[in-house]
Amino acid sequence: MPRKPGNPEPALTPEQLQEVERLGALQFRPAEVALVLGISGEWPEQGPCWTSYHRGRLRAEAEVRAAIHKAALQGSAPAQKQFGELATANRPRGR
């Protein structure tokens, strides 16, 4: 979320940043995380809140993809299809 002028990022404790990461992992939107924690939802890009949120979101996505990959390797046709779709959608562009 872009930060509005004069609206600094909330100063959060390490425990609160862990909660931001945990809620991000559960795929809550940033505005929902802010509401749960009672903080501003205006986080500067690359700041601690933004980083914690996206770290949680991406780690959870990686865990799900790993589970799909494992199931695909074990012969699950639906997992093989889903993994193929993920691979195609996320294939690097260009060279």
PDB file of N, CA and C in Angstrom:
ATOM      1  N   MET A   1       0.842  -1.176   0.000  1.00  0.00           N
ATOM      2  CA  MET A   1       0.000   0.000   0.000  1.00  0.00           C
ATOM      3  C   MET A   1       0.884   1.235   0.000  1.00  0.00           C
ATOM      4  N   PRO A   2       0.628   2.187  -0.857  1.00  0.00           N
ATOM      5  CA  PRO A   2       1.442   3.390  -0.844  1.00  0.00           C
ATOM      6  C   PRO A   2       1.168   4.217   0.402  1.00  0.00           C
ATOM      7  N   ARG A   3       2.195   4.879   0.861  1.00  0.00           N
ATOM      8  CA  ARG A   3       2.064   5.703   2.060  1.00  0.00           C
ATOM      9  C   ARG A   3       1.603   7.091   1.667  1.00  0.00           C
ATOM     10  N   LYS A   4       0.684   7.634   2.438  1.00  0.00           N
ATOM     11  CA  LYS A   4       0.226   8.998   2.226  1.00  0.00           C
ATOM     12  C   LYS A   4       1.190   9.943   2.929  1.00  0.00           C
ATOM     13  N   PRO A   5       1.415  11.144   2.376  1.00  0.00           N
ATOM     14  CA  PRO A   5       2.322  12.093   3.019  1.00  0.00           C
ATOM     15  C   PRO A   5       1.901  12.361   4.460  1.00  0.00           C
ATOM     16  N   GLY A   6       2.891  12.410   5.348  1.00  0.00           N
ATOM     17  CA  GLY A   6       2.611  12.702   6.753  1.00  0.00           C
ATOM     18  C   GLY A   6       2.011  11.537   7.510  1.00  0.00           C
ATOM     19  N   ASN A   7       2.001  10.356   6.938  1.00  0.00           N
ATOM     20  CA  ASN A   7       1.405   9.184   7.562  1.00  0.00           C
ATOM     21  C   ASN A   7       2.484   8.109   7.693  1.00  0.00           C
ATOM     22  N   PRO A   8       3.325   8.213   8.757  1.00  0.00           N
ATOM     23  CA  PRO A   8       4.446   7.285   8.870  1.00  0.00           C
ATOM     24  C   PRO A   8       3.992   5.855   9.147  1.00  0.00           C
ATOM     25  N   GLU A   9       4.880   4.926   8.840  1.00  0.00           N
ATOM     26  CA  GLU A   9       4.600   3.522   9.118  1.00  0.00           C
ATOM     27  C   GLU A   9       4.476   3.344  10.620  1.00  0.00           C
ATOM     28  N   PRO A  10       3.528   2.514  11.059  1.00  0.00           N
ATOM     29  CA  PRO A  10       3.398   2.285  12.495  1.00  0.00           C
ATOM     30  C   PRO A  10       4.648   1.609  13.052  1.00  0.00           C
ATOM     31  N   ALA A  11       5.069   2.022  14.240  1.00  0.00           N
ATOM     32  CA  ALA A  11       6.208   1.383  14.905  1.00  0.00           C
ATOM     33  C   ALA A  11       5.680   0.135  15.599  1.00  0.00           C
ATOM     34  N   LEU A  12       6.114  -1.018  15.137  1.00  0.00           N
ATOM     35  CA  LEU A  12       5.616  -2.266  15.682  1.00  0.00           C
ATOM     36  C   LEU A  12       6.719  -3.008  16.421  1.00  0.00           C
ATOM     37  N   THR A  13       6.298  -3.762  17.425  1.00  0.00           N
ATOM     38  CA  THR A  13       7.229  -4.604  18.169  1.00  0.00           C
ATOM     39  C   THR A  13       7.578  -5.820  17.307  1.00  0.00           C
ATOM     40  N   PRO A  14       8.650  -6.524  17.647  1.00  0.00           N
ATOM     41  CA  PRO A  14       8.951  -7.755  16.906  1.00  0.00           C
ATOM     42  C   PRO A  14       7.793  -8.750  16.938  1.00  0.00           C
ATOM     43  N   GLU A  15       7.082  -8.816  18.051  1.00  0.00           N
ATOM     44  CA  GLU A  15       5.939  -9.729  18.158  1.00  0.00           C
ATOM     45  C   GLU A  15       4.822  -9.322  17.193  1.00  0.00           C
ATOM     46  N   GLN A  16       4.578  -8.023  17.070  1.00  0.00           N
ATOM     47  CA  GLN A  16       3.546  -7.552  16.147  1.00  0.00           C
ATOM     48  C   GLN A  16       3.944  -7.829  14.694  1.00  0.00           C
ATOM     49  N   LEU A  17       5.225  -7.661  14.387  1.00  0.00           N
ATOM     50  CA  LEU A  17       5.683  -7.960  13.032  1.00  0.00           C
ATOM     51  C   LEU A  17       5.548  -9.448  12.737  1.00  0.00           C
ATOM     52  N   GLN A  18       5.764 -10.300  13.727  1.00  0.00           N
ATOM     53  CA  GLN A  18       5.538 -11.741  13.544  1.00  0.00           C
ATOM     54  C   GLN A  18       4.068 -12.017  13.268  1.00  0.00           C
ATOM     55  N   GLU A  19       3.193 -11.271  13.935  1.00  0.00           N
ATOM     56  CA  GLU A  19       1.757 -11.443  13.705  1.00  0.00           C
ATOM     57  C   GLU A  19       1.376 -10.967  12.304  1.00  0.00           C
ATOM     58  N   VAL A  20       1.977  -9.878  11.844  1.00  0.00           N
ATOM     59  CA  VAL A  20       1.755  -9.416  10.470  1.00  0.00           C
ATOM     60  C   VAL A  20       2.154 -10.525   9.501  1.00  0.00           C
ATOM     61  N   GLU A  21       3.303 -11.139   9.743  1.00  0.00           N
ATOM     62  CA  GLU A  21       3.778 -12.227   8.881  1.00  0.00           C
ATOM     63  C   GLU A  21       2.831 -13.427   8.933  1.00  0.00           C
ATOM     64  N   ARG A  22       2.372 -13.774  10.122  1.00  0.00           N
ATOM     65  CA  ARG A  22       1.463 -14.912  10.284  1.00  0.00           C
ATOM     66  C   ARG A  22       0.146 -14.675   9.545  1.00  0.00           C
ATOM     67  N   LEU A  23      -0.390 -13.473   9.681  1.00  0.00           N
ATOM     68  CA  LEU A  23      -1.651 -13.157   9.009  1.00  0.00           C
ATOM     69  C   LEU A  23      -1.462 -13.064   7.496  1.00  0.00           C
ATOM     70  N   GLY A  24      -0.309 -12.582   7.071  1.00  0.00           N
ATOM     71  CA  GLY A  24       0.004 -12.581   5.642  1.00  0.00           C
ATOM     72  C   GLY A  24       0.032 -14.003   5.099  1.00  0.00           C
ATOM     73  N   ALA A  25       0.596 -14.931   5.894  1.00  0.00           N
ATOM     74  CA  ALA A  25       0.652 -16.332   5.491  1.00  0.00           C
ATOM     75  C   ALA A  25      -0.749 -16.918   5.334  1.00  0.00           C
ATOM     76  N   LEU A  26      -1.689 -16.403   6.082  1.00  0.00           N
ATOM     77  CA  LEU A  26      -3.077 -16.870   5.987  1.00  0.00           C
ATOM     78  C   LEU A  26      -3.847 -16.164   4.875  1.00  0.00           C
ATOM     79  N   GLN A  27      -3.121 -15.352   4.090  1.00  0.00           N
ATOM     80  CA  GLN A  27      -3.647 -14.676   2.902  1.00  0.00           C
ATOM     81  C   GLN A  27      -4.673 -13.582   3.208  1.00  0.00           C
ATOM     82  N   PHE A  28      -4.587 -12.998   4.401  1.00  0.00           N
ATOM     83  CA  PHE A  28      -5.398 -11.815   4.675  1.00  0.00           C
ATOM     84  C   PHE A  28      -4.852 -10.656   3.862  1.00  0.00           C
ATOM     85  N   ARG A  29      -5.715  -9.742   3.454  1.00  0.00           N
ATOM     86  CA  ARG A  29      -5.272  -8.535   2.761  1.00  0.00           C
ATOM     87  C   ARG A  29      -4.611  -7.603   3.774  1.00  0.00           C
ATOM     88  N   PRO A  30      -3.694  -6.720   3.325  1.00  0.00           N
ATOM     89  CA  PRO A  30      -3.036  -5.795   4.251  1.00  0.00           C
ATOM     90  C   PRO A  30      -4.019  -4.969   5.091  1.00  0.00           C
ATOM     91  N   ALA A  31      -5.113  -4.522   4.490  1.00  0.00           N
ATOM     92  CA  ALA A  31      -6.092  -3.737   5.244  1.00  0.00           C
ATOM     93  C   ALA A  31      -6.718  -4.562   6.366  1.00  0.00           C
ATOM     94  N   GLU A  32      -6.915  -5.857   6.118  1.00  0.00           N
ATOM     95  CA  GLU A  32      -7.471  -6.733   7.148  1.00  0.00           C
ATOM     96  C   GLU A  32      -6.460  -6.963   8.271  1.00  0.00           C
ATOM     97  N   VAL A  33      -5.194  -7.130   7.904  1.00  0.00           N
ATOM     98  CA  VAL A  33      -4.143  -7.292   8.918  1.00  0.00           C
ATOM     99  C   VAL A  33      -4.093  -6.055   9.796  1.00  0.00           C
ATOM    100  N   ALA A  34      -4.126  -4.885   9.175  1.00  0.00           N
ATOM    101  CA  ALA A  34      -4.084  -3.629   9.921  1.00  0.00           C
ATOM    102  C   ALA A  34      -5.277  -3.524  10.872  1.00  0.00           C
ATOM    103  N   LEU A  35      -6.442  -3.918  10.413  1.00  0.00           N
ATOM    104  CA  LEU A  35      -7.639  -3.860  11.246  1.00  0.00           C
ATOM    105  C   LEU A  35      -7.513  -4.792  12.447  1.00  0.00           C
ATOM    106  N   VAL A  36      -7.043  -6.010  12.215  1.00  0.00           N
ATOM    107  CA  VAL A  36      -6.880  -6.979  13.303  1.00  0.00           C
ATOM    108  C   VAL A  36      -5.913  -6.446  14.359  1.00  0.00           C
ATOM    109  N   LEU A  37      -4.818  -5.834  13.897  1.00  0.00           N
ATOM    110  CA  LEU A  37      -3.794  -5.348  14.823  1.00  0.00           C
ATOM    111  C   LEU A  37      -4.068  -3.939  15.350  1.00  0.00           C
ATOM    112  N   GLY A  38      -5.055  -3.271  14.770  1.00  0.00           N
ATOM    113  CA  GLY A  38      -5.367  -1.915  15.215  1.00  0.00           C
ATOM    114  C   GLY A  38      -4.291  -0.916  14.835  1.00  0.00           C
ATOM    115  N   ILE A  39      -3.723  -1.091  13.623  1.00  0.00           N
ATOM    116  CA  ILE A  39      -2.676  -0.188  13.152  1.00  0.00           C
ATOM    117  C   ILE A  39      -3.087   0.427  11.826  1.00  0.00           C
ATOM    118  N   SER A  40      -2.314   1.390  11.366  1.00  0.00           N
ATOM    119  CA  SER A  40      -2.544   1.997  10.064  1.00  0.00           C
ATOM    120  C   SER A  40      -2.283   0.971   8.978  1.00  0.00           C
ATOM    121  N   GLY A  41      -3.097   0.996   7.942  1.00  0.00           N
ATOM    122  CA  GLY A  41      -2.901   0.105   6.813  1.00  0.00           C
ATOM    123  C   GLY A  41      -2.036   0.718   5.735  1.00  0.00           C
ATOM    124  N   GLU A  42      -1.487   1.883   5.999  1.00  0.00           N
ATOM    125  CA  GLU A  42      -0.631   2.565   5.030  1.00  0.00           C
ATOM    126  C   GLU A  42       0.814   2.209   5.324  1.00  0.00           C
ATOM    127  N   TRP A  43       1.354   1.229   4.592  1.00  0.00           N
ATOM    128  CA  TRP A  43       2.720   0.760   4.809  1.00  0.00           C
ATOM    129  C   TRP A  43       3.586   1.168   3.641  1.00  0.00           C
ATOM    130  N   PRO A  44       4.711   1.827   3.920  1.00  0.00           N
ATOM    131  CA  PRO A  44       5.602   2.155   2.794  1.00  0.00           C
ATOM    132  C   PRO A  44       6.198   0.872   2.220  1.00  0.00           C
ATOM    133  N   GLU A  45       6.315   0.848   0.898  1.00  0.00           N
ATOM    134  CA  GLU A  45       6.896  -0.314   0.246  1.00  0.00           C
ATOM    135  C   GLU A  45       8.319  -0.525   0.759  1.00  0.00           C
ATOM    136  N   GLN A  46       8.653  -1.756   1.028  1.00  0.00           N
ATOM    137  CA  GLN A  46       9.959  -2.176   1.530  1.00  0.00           C
ATOM    138  C   GLN A  46      10.184  -1.858   3.009  1.00  0.00           C
ATOM    139  N   GLY A  47       9.187  -1.321   3.700  1.00  0.00           N
ATOM    140  CA  GLY A  47       9.301  -1.085   5.139  1.00  0.00           C
ATOM    141  C   GLY A  47       9.078  -2.387   5.906  1.00  0.00           C
ATOM    142  N   PRO A  48       9.260  -2.373   7.225  1.00  0.00           N
ATOM    143  CA  PRO A  48       9.124  -3.596   8.024  1.00  0.00           C
ATOM    144  C   PRO A  48       7.751  -4.273   7.921  1.00  0.00           C
ATOM    145  N   CYS A  49       6.667  -3.506   7.940  1.00  0.00           N
ATOM    146  CA  CYS A  49       5.332  -4.118   7.835  1.00  0.00           C
ATOM    147  C   CYS A  49       5.149  -4.771   6.473  1.00  0.00           C
ATOM    148  N   TRP A  50       5.502  -4.051   5.431  1.00  0.00           N
ATOM    149  CA  TRP A  50       5.370  -4.553   4.059  1.00  0.00           C
ATOM    150  C   TRP A  50       6.183  -5.828   3.895  1.00  0.00           C
ATOM    151  N   THR A  51       7.429  -5.805   4.383  1.00  0.00           N
ATOM    152  CA  THR A  51       8.325  -6.952   4.267  1.00  0.00           C
ATOM    153  C   THR A  51       7.784  -8.152   5.039  1.00  0.00           C
ATOM    154  N   SER A  52       7.339  -7.937   6.270  1.00  0.00           N
ATOM    155  CA  SER A  52       6.799  -9.041   7.081  1.00  0.00           C
ATOM    156  C   SER A  52       5.562  -9.642   6.438  1.00  0.00           C
ATOM    157  N   TYR A  53       4.685  -8.783   5.948  1.00  0.00           N
ATOM    158  CA  TYR A  53       3.458  -9.248   5.317  1.00  0.00           C
ATOM    159  C   TYR A  53       3.772 -10.134   4.105  1.00  0.00           C
ATOM    160  N   HIS A  54       4.602  -9.636   3.210  1.00  0.00           N
ATOM    161  CA  HIS A  54       4.896 -10.377   1.987  1.00  0.00           C
ATOM    162  C   HIS A  54       5.754 -11.610   2.259  1.00  0.00           C
ATOM    163  N   ARG A  55       6.615 -11.561   3.270  1.00  0.00           N
ATOM    164  CA  ARG A  55       7.386 -12.751   3.639  1.00  0.00           C
ATOM    165  C   ARG A  55       6.430 -13.873   4.041  1.00  0.00           C
ATOM    166  N   GLY A  56       5.457 -13.547   4.885  1.00  0.00           N
ATOM    167  CA  GLY A  56       4.487 -14.558   5.309  1.00  0.00           C
ATOM    168  C   GLY A  56       3.660 -15.088   4.160  1.00  0.00           C
ATOM    169  N   ARG A  57       3.194 -14.184   3.313  1.00  0.00           N
ATOM    170  CA  ARG A  57       2.362 -14.572   2.178  1.00  0.00           C
ATOM    171  C   ARG A  57       3.129 -15.487   1.231  1.00  0.00           C
ATOM    172  N   LEU A  58       4.365 -15.130   0.931  1.00  0.00           N
ATOM    173  CA  LEU A  58       5.154 -15.910  -0.021  1.00  0.00           C
ATOM    174  C   LEU A  58       5.638 -17.232   0.571  1.00  0.00           C
ATOM    175  N   ARG A  59       5.972 -17.246   1.852  1.00  0.00           N
ATOM    176  CA  ARG A  59       6.378 -18.513   2.477  1.00  0.00           C
ATOM    177  C   ARG A  59       5.225 -19.508   2.475  1.00  0.00           C
ATOM    178  N   ALA A  60       4.019 -19.027   2.754  1.00  0.00           N
ATOM    179  CA  ALA A  60       2.854 -19.918   2.736  1.00  0.00           C
ATOM    180  C   ALA A  60       2.600 -20.437   1.327  1.00  0.00           C
ATOM    181  N   GLU A  61       2.733 -19.561   0.343  1.00  0.00           N
ATOM    182  CA  GLU A  61       2.546 -19.984  -1.039  1.00  0.00           C
ATOM    183  C   GLU A  61       3.597 -21.030  -1.420  1.00  0.00           C
ATOM    184  N   ALA A  62       4.830 -20.831  -0.951  1.00  0.00           N
ATOM    185  CA  ALA A  62       5.895 -21.797  -1.240  1.00  0.00           C
ATOM    186  C   ALA A  62       5.579 -23.157  -0.607  1.00  0.00           C
ATOM    187  N   GLU A  63       5.035 -23.162   0.603  1.00  0.00           N
ATOM    188  CA  GLU A  63       4.671 -24.417   1.263  1.00  0.00           C
ATOM    189  C   GLU A  63       3.584 -25.154   0.480  1.00  0.00           C
ATOM    190  N   VAL A  64       2.607 -24.412  -0.003  1.00  0.00           N
ATOM    191  CA  VAL A  64       1.532 -25.035  -0.784  1.00  0.00           C
ATOM    192  C   VAL A  64       2.085 -25.577  -2.097  1.00  0.00           C
ATOM    193  N   ARG A  65       2.944 -24.804  -2.748  1.00  0.00           N
ATOM    194  CA  ARG A  65       3.533 -25.276  -3.997  1.00  0.00           C
ATOM    195  C   ARG A  65       4.388 -26.521  -3.771  1.00  0.00           C
ATOM    196  N   ALA A  66       5.100 -26.565  -2.649  1.00  0.00           N
ATOM    197  CA  ALA A  66       5.908 -27.744  -2.337  1.00  0.00           C
ATOM    198  C   ALA A  66       5.011 -28.969  -2.151  1.00  0.00           C
ATOM    199  N   ALA A  67       3.863 -28.772  -1.505  1.00  0.00           N
ATOM    200  CA  ALA A  67       2.921 -29.884  -1.312  1.00  0.00           C
ATOM    201  C   ALA A  67       2.355 -30.347  -2.655  1.00  0.00           C
ATOM    202  N   ILE A  68       2.047 -29.400  -3.538  1.00  0.00           N
ATOM    203  CA  ILE A  68       1.547 -29.758  -4.871  1.00  0.00           C
ATOM    204  C   ILE A  68       2.633 -30.514  -5.631  1.00  0.00           C
ATOM    205  N   HIS A  69       3.860 -30.037  -5.548  1.00  0.00           N
ATOM    206  CA  HIS A  69       4.987 -30.691  -6.227  1.00  0.00           C
ATOM    207  C   HIS A  69       5.162 -32.123  -5.723  1.00  0.00           C
ATOM    208  N   LYS A  70       5.123 -32.296  -4.415  1.00  0.00           N
ATOM    209  CA  LYS A  70       5.280 -33.628  -3.824  1.00  0.00           C
ATOM    210  C   LYS A  70       4.170 -34.566  -4.315  1.00  0.00           C
ATOM    211  N   ALA A  71       2.924 -34.061  -4.295  1.00  0.00           N
ATOM    212  CA  ALA A  71       1.801 -34.887  -4.756  1.00  0.00           C
ATOM    213  C   ALA A  71       1.943 -35.210  -6.238  1.00  0.00           C
ATOM    214  N   ALA A  72       2.422 -34.262  -7.020  1.00  0.00           N
ATOM    215  CA  ALA A  72       2.615 -34.495  -8.453  1.00  0.00           C
ATOM    216  C   ALA A  72       3.661 -35.588  -8.679  1.00  0.00           C
ATOM    217  N   LEU A  73       4.752 -35.544  -7.918  1.00  0.00           N
ATOM    218  CA  LEU A  73       5.793 -36.561  -8.046  1.00  0.00           C
ATOM    219  C   LEU A  73       5.308 -37.939  -7.618  1.00  0.00           C
ATOM    220  N   GLN A  74       4.297 -37.964  -6.744  1.00  0.00           N
ATOM    221  CA  GLN A  74       3.745 -39.237  -6.282  1.00  0.00           C
ATOM    222  C   GLN A  74       2.655 -39.763  -7.215  1.00  0.00           C
ATOM    223  N   GLY A  75       2.428 -39.047  -8.314  1.00  0.00           N
ATOM    224  CA  GLY A  75       1.509 -39.546  -9.335  1.00  0.00           C
ATOM    225  C   GLY A  75       0.121 -38.946  -9.339  1.00  0.00           C
ATOM    226  N   SER A  76      -0.152 -37.948  -8.516  1.00  0.00           N
ATOM    227  CA  SER A  76      -1.478 -37.331  -8.503  1.00  0.00           C
ATOM    228  C   SER A  76      -1.692 -36.541  -9.792  1.00  0.00           C
ATOM    229  N   ALA A  77      -2.636 -36.989 -10.609  1.00  0.00           N
ATOM    230  CA  ALA A  77      -2.920 -36.301 -11.870  1.00  0.00           C
ATOM    231  C   ALA A  77      -3.393 -34.855 -11.650  1.00  0.00           C
ATOM    232  N   PRO A  78      -4.309 -34.597 -10.684  1.00  0.00           N
ATOM    233  CA  PRO A  78      -4.709 -33.208 -10.463  1.00  0.00           C
ATOM    234  C   PRO A  78      -3.524 -32.327 -10.026  1.00  0.00           C
ATOM    235  N   ALA A  79      -2.641 -32.876  -9.193  1.00  0.00           N
ATOM    236  CA  ALA A  79      -1.478 -32.107  -8.745  1.00  0.00           C
ATOM    237  C   ALA A  79      -0.521 -31.875  -9.907  1.00  0.00           C
ATOM    238  N   GLN A  80      -0.358 -32.866 -10.779  1.00  0.00           N
ATOM    239  CA  GLN A  80       0.511 -32.694 -11.945  1.00  0.00           C
ATOM    240  C   GLN A  80      -0.022 -31.586 -12.848  1.00  0.00           C
ATOM    241  N   LYS A  81      -1.327 -31.574 -13.043  1.00  0.00           N
ATOM    242  CA  LYS A  81      -1.954 -30.532 -13.862  1.00  0.00           C
ATOM    243  C   LYS A  81      -1.759 -29.166 -13.217  1.00  0.00           C
ATOM    244  N   GLN A  82      -2.022 -29.079 -11.918  1.00  0.00           N
ATOM    245  CA  GLN A  82      -1.894 -27.800 -11.214  1.00  0.00           C
ATOM    246  C   GLN A  82      -0.449 -27.326 -11.212  1.00  0.00           C
ATOM    247  N   PHE A  83       0.496 -28.227 -10.991  1.00  0.00           N
ATOM    248  CA  PHE A  83       1.896 -27.834 -10.990  1.00  0.00           C
ATOM    249  C   PHE A  83       2.331 -27.356 -12.372  1.00  0.00           C
ATOM    250  N   GLY A  84       1.865 -28.040 -13.413  1.00  0.00           N
ATOM    251  CA  GLY A  84       2.166 -27.602 -14.776  1.00  0.00           C
ATOM    252  C   GLY A  84       1.627 -26.214 -15.059  1.00  0.00           C
ATOM    253  N   GLU A  85       0.418 -25.938 -14.573  1.00  0.00           N
ATOM    254  CA  GLU A  85      -0.169 -24.607 -14.755  1.00  0.00           C
ATOM    255  C   GLU A  85       0.638 -23.548 -13.997  1.00  0.00           C
ATOM    256  N   LEU A  86       1.068 -23.874 -12.775  1.00  0.00           N
ATOM    257  CA  LEU A  86       1.899 -22.944 -12.005  1.00  0.00           C
ATOM    258  C   LEU A  86       3.219 -22.676 -12.724  1.00  0.00           C
ATOM    259  N   ALA A  87       3.825 -23.740 -13.226  1.00  0.00           N
ATOM    260  CA  ALA A  87       5.110 -23.599 -13.911  1.00  0.00           C
ATOM    261  C   ALA A  87       4.971 -22.723 -15.148  1.00  0.00           C
ATOM    262  N   THR A  88       3.904 -22.937 -15.909  1.00  0.00           N
ATOM    263  CA  THR A  88       3.682 -22.141 -17.113  1.00  0.00           C
ATOM    264  C   THR A  88       3.409 -20.684 -16.769  1.00  0.00           C
ATOM    265  N   ALA A  89       2.565 -20.459 -15.768  1.00  0.00           N
ATOM    266  CA  ALA A  89       2.197 -19.083 -15.395  1.00  0.00           C
ATOM    267  C   ALA A  89       3.380 -18.298 -14.832  1.00  0.00           C
ATOM    268  N   ASN A  90       4.326 -19.004 -14.225  1.00  0.00           N
ATOM    269  CA  ASN A  90       5.439 -18.316 -13.550  1.00  0.00           C
ATOM    270  C   ASN A  90       6.759 -18.479 -14.284  1.00  0.00           C
ATOM    271  N   ARG A  91       6.718 -18.942 -15.520  1.00  0.00           N
ATOM    272  CA  ARG A  91       7.934 -19.115 -16.310  1.00  0.00           C
ATOM    273  C   ARG A  91       8.560 -17.743 -16.577  1.00  0.00           C
ATOM    274  N   PRO A  92       9.871 -17.625 -16.387  1.00  0.00           N
ATOM    275  CA  PRO A  92      10.538 -16.335 -16.652  1.00  0.00           C
ATOM    276  C   PRO A  92      10.334 -15.910 -18.108  1.00  0.00           C
ATOM    277  N   ARG A  93      10.152 -14.659 -18.307  1.00  0.00           N
ATOM    278  CA  ARG A  93       9.949 -14.099 -19.646  1.00  0.00           C
ATOM    279  C   ARG A  93      11.318 -13.698 -20.220  1.00  0.00           C
ATOM    280  N   GLY A  94      11.397 -13.648 -21.518  1.00  0.00           N
ATOM    281  CA  GLY A  94      12.637 -13.184 -22.159  1.00  0.00           C
ATOM    282  C   GLY A  94      13.601 -14.316 -22.371  1.00  0.00           C
ATOM    283  N   ARG A  95      14.869 -14.028 -22.207  1.00  0.00           N
ATOM    284  CA  ARG A  95      15.943 -14.974 -22.490  1.00  0.00           C
ATOM    285  C   ARG A  95      15.873 -16.214 -21.687  1.00  0.00           C
TER     286      ARG A  95
END
